[in-house]
């Protein structure tokens, strides 16, 4: 009985840590989006800045309310992941200038 409780507690801590990491990623993405120029998003071929901010805020609220597991949680994690892996690098590239630096 004691081992089952310890396993459940350990699993709970791992899941909580993963949820906090997902929420931290969402906060990072929101702060990053807020700091970017509004015209950089369409110039990168992505949705507008207000659209991405809305998506990311909703994703953070979903992660806060439902956690990262389950249907809604996965949607929140995917939204944050798409921003961090796809949108963020493109927006930064547009703002840096994509020309050859040599």
C-alpha atoms as a PDB file:
ATOM      1  CA  UNK A   1       0.000   0.000   0.000  1.00  0.00           C
ATOM      2  CA  UNK A   2       2.782   2.425   0.846  1.00  0.00           C
ATOM      3  CA  UNK A   3       4.548   1.767  -2.462  1.00  0.00           C
ATOM      4  CA  UNK A   4       1.384   2.519  -4.434  1.00  0.00           C
ATOM      5  CA  UNK A   5       0.998   5.826  -2.625  1.00  0.00           C
ATOM      6  CA  UNK A   6       4.627   6.716  -3.308  1.00  0.00           C
ATOM      7  CA  UNK A   7       4.244   5.829  -6.984  1.00  0.00           C
ATOM      8  CA  UNK A   8       1.072   7.885  -7.272  1.00  0.00           C
ATOM      9  CA  UNK A   9       2.721  10.804  -5.517  1.00  0.00           C
ATOM     10  CA  UNK A  10       5.803  10.597  -7.742  1.00  0.00           C
ATOM     11  CA  UNK A  11       3.621  10.442 -10.850  1.00  0.00           C
ATOM     12  CA  UNK A  12       1.671  13.426  -9.609  1.00  0.00           C
ATOM     13  CA  UNK A  13       4.849  15.437  -9.133  1.00  0.00           C
ATOM     14  CA  UNK A  14       6.104  14.516 -12.602  1.00  0.00           C
ATOM     15  CA  UNK A  15       2.794  15.520 -14.187  1.00  0.00           C
ATOM     16  CA  UNK A  16       2.768  18.771 -12.227  1.00  0.00           C
ATOM     17  CA  UNK A  17       6.326  19.530 -13.348  1.00  0.00           C
ATOM     18  CA  UNK A  18       5.397  18.865 -16.986  1.00  0.00           C
ATOM     19  CA  UNK A  19       2.361  21.126 -16.685  1.00  0.00           C
ATOM     20  CA  UNK A  20       4.487  23.907 -15.205  1.00  0.00           C
ATOM     21  CA  UNK A  21       7.028  23.535 -18.028  1.00  0.00           C
ATOM     22  CA  UNK A  22       4.229  23.748 -20.611  1.00  0.00           C
ATOM     23  CA  UNK A  23       2.802  26.837 -18.919  1.00  0.00           C
ATOM     24  CA  UNK A  24       6.254  28.441 -18.717  1.00  0.00           C
ATOM     25  CA  UNK A  25       6.666  27.825 -22.443  1.00  0.00           C
ATOM     26  CA  UNK A  26       3.339  29.531 -23.062  1.00  0.00           C
ATOM     27  CA  UNK A  27       4.328  32.541 -20.953  1.00  0.00           C
ATOM     28  CA  UNK A  28       7.671  32.742 -22.779  1.00  0.00           C
ATOM     29  CA  UNK A  29       5.877  32.619 -26.145  1.00  0.00           C
ATOM     30  CA  UNK A  30       3.433  35.354 -25.091  1.00  0.00           C
ATOM     31  CA  UNK A  31       6.243  37.629 -23.881  1.00  0.00           C
ATOM     32  CA  UNK A  32       8.187  36.982 -27.076  1.00  0.00           C
ATOM     33  CA  UNK A  33       5.165  37.793 -29.247  1.00  0.00           C
ATOM     34  CA  UNK A  34       4.493  40.991 -27.302  1.00  0.00           C
ATOM     35  CA  UNK A  35       8.050  42.209 -27.924  1.00  0.00           C
ATOM     36  CA  UNK A  36       7.960  41.726 -31.698  1.00  0.00           C
ATOM     37  CA  UNK A  37       6.981  44.286 -34.317  1.00  0.00           C
ATOM     38  CA  UNK A  38       3.414  43.961 -35.565  1.00  0.00           C
ATOM     39  CA  UNK A  39       4.431  43.987 -39.225  1.00  0.00           C
ATOM     40  CA  UNK A  40       6.970  41.170 -38.772  1.00  0.00           C
ATOM     41  CA  UNK A  41       4.294  38.476 -38.497  1.00  0.00           C
ATOM     42  CA  UNK A  42       2.640  39.016 -41.900  1.00  0.00           C
ATOM     43  CA  UNK A  43       6.067  39.673 -43.443  1.00  0.00           C
ATOM     44  CA  UNK A  44       7.087  36.195 -42.253  1.00  0.00           C
ATOM     45  CA  UNK A  45       3.959  34.733 -43.846  1.00  0.00           C
ATOM     46  CA  UNK A  46       2.309  33.987 -40.494  1.00  0.00           C
ATOM     47  CA  UNK A  47      -0.914  35.050 -38.805  1.00  0.00           C
ATOM     48  CA  UNK A  48      -1.028  38.581 -37.400  1.00  0.00           C
ATOM     49  CA  UNK A  49       0.434  39.472 -34.023  1.00  0.00           C
ATOM     50  CA  UNK A  50      -2.995  39.905 -32.349  1.00  0.00           C
ATOM     51  CA  UNK A  51      -4.085  36.501 -33.679  1.00  0.00           C
ATOM     52  CA  UNK A  52      -0.995  34.790 -32.280  1.00  0.00           C
ATOM     53  CA  UNK A  53      -1.342  36.580 -28.959  1.00  0.00           C
ATOM     54  CA  UNK A  54      -4.948  35.409 -28.760  1.00  0.00           C
ATOM     55  CA  UNK A  55      -3.989  31.832 -29.598  1.00  0.00           C
ATOM     56  CA  UNK A  56      -1.192  31.825 -27.031  1.00  0.00           C
ATOM     57  CA  UNK A  57      -3.296  33.370 -24.252  1.00  0.00           C
ATOM     58  CA  UNK A  58      -6.069  30.831 -24.877  1.00  0.00           C
ATOM     59  CA  UNK A  59      -3.442  28.064 -24.869  1.00  0.00           C
ATOM     60  CA  UNK A  60      -2.120  29.297 -21.511  1.00  0.00           C
ATOM     61  CA  UNK A  61      -5.634  29.402 -20.056  1.00  0.00           C
ATOM     62  CA  UNK A  62      -6.305  25.886 -21.340  1.00  0.00           C
ATOM     63  CA  UNK A  63      -3.064  24.624 -19.815  1.00  0.00           C
ATOM     64  CA  UNK A  64      -3.934  26.316 -16.535  1.00  0.00           C
ATOM     65  CA  UNK A  65      -7.474  24.929 -16.461  1.00  0.00           C
ATOM     66  CA  UNK A  66      -7.030  21.451 -17.922  1.00  0.00           C
ATOM     67  CA  UNK A  67      -3.337  20.661 -17.649  1.00  0.00           C
ATOM     68  CA  UNK A  68      -1.215  19.484 -20.541  1.00  0.00           C
ATOM     69  CA  UNK A  69      -2.817  16.064 -20.923  1.00  0.00           C
ATOM     70  CA  UNK A  70      -6.198  15.365 -22.423  1.00  0.00           C
ATOM     71  CA  UNK A  71      -7.661  16.709 -25.629  1.00  0.00           C
ATOM     72  CA  UNK A  72      -7.681  20.408 -24.740  1.00  0.00           C
ATOM     73  CA  UNK A  73      -4.278  20.266 -23.082  1.00  0.00           C
ATOM     74  CA  UNK A  74      -2.735  18.736 -26.175  1.00  0.00           C
ATOM     75  CA  UNK A  75      -4.243  21.519 -28.291  1.00  0.00           C
ATOM     76  CA  UNK A  76      -2.651  24.085 -25.968  1.00  0.00           C
ATOM     77  CA  UNK A  77       0.750  22.393 -26.095  1.00  0.00           C
ATOM     78  CA  UNK A  78       0.601  22.110 -29.894  1.00  0.00           C
ATOM     79  CA  UNK A  79      -0.289  25.805 -30.256  1.00  0.00           C
ATOM     80  CA  UNK A  80       2.649  26.850 -28.081  1.00  0.00           C
ATOM     81  CA  UNK A  81       4.927  24.395 -29.871  1.00  0.00           C
ATOM     82  CA  UNK A  82       3.959  25.712 -33.304  1.00  0.00           C
ATOM     83  CA  UNK A  83       4.704  29.253 -32.197  1.00  0.00           C
ATOM     84  CA  UNK A  84       8.069  28.392 -30.645  1.00  0.00           C
ATOM     85  CA  UNK A  85       9.274  26.081 -33.421  1.00  0.00           C
ATOM     86  CA  UNK A  86       7.792  27.691 -36.535  1.00  0.00           C
ATOM     87  CA  UNK A  87       6.598  31.265 -35.991  1.00  0.00           C
ATOM     88  CA  UNK A  88       9.265  32.562 -33.610  1.00  0.00           C
ATOM     89  CA  UNK A  89      12.280  31.759 -35.831  1.00  0.00           C
ATOM     90  CA  UNK A  90      10.588  33.210 -38.927  1.00  0.00           C
ATOM     91  CA  UNK A  91       9.610  36.432 -37.159  1.00  0.00           C
ATOM     92  CA  UNK A  92      13.125  36.839 -35.777  1.00  0.00           C
ATOM     93  CA  UNK A  93      14.601  36.191 -39.231  1.00  0.00           C
ATOM     94  CA  UNK A  94      12.388  38.883 -40.765  1.00  0.00           C
ATOM     95  CA  UNK A  95      13.393  41.391 -38.107  1.00  0.00           C
ATOM     96  CA  UNK A  96      17.109  40.583 -38.428  1.00  0.00           C
ATOM     97  CA  UNK A  97      16.979  40.767 -42.189  1.00  0.00           C
ATOM     98  CA  UNK A  98      17.487  37.675 -44.269  1.00  0.00           C
ATOM     99  CA  UNK A  99      20.320  39.061 -46.391  1.00  0.00           C
ATOM    100  CA  UNK A 100      23.843  37.695 -46.359  1.00  0.00           C
ATOM    101  CA  UNK A 101      25.836  39.308 -43.545  1.00  0.00           C
ATOM    102  CA  UNK A 102      29.207  38.861 -45.298  1.00  0.00           C
END
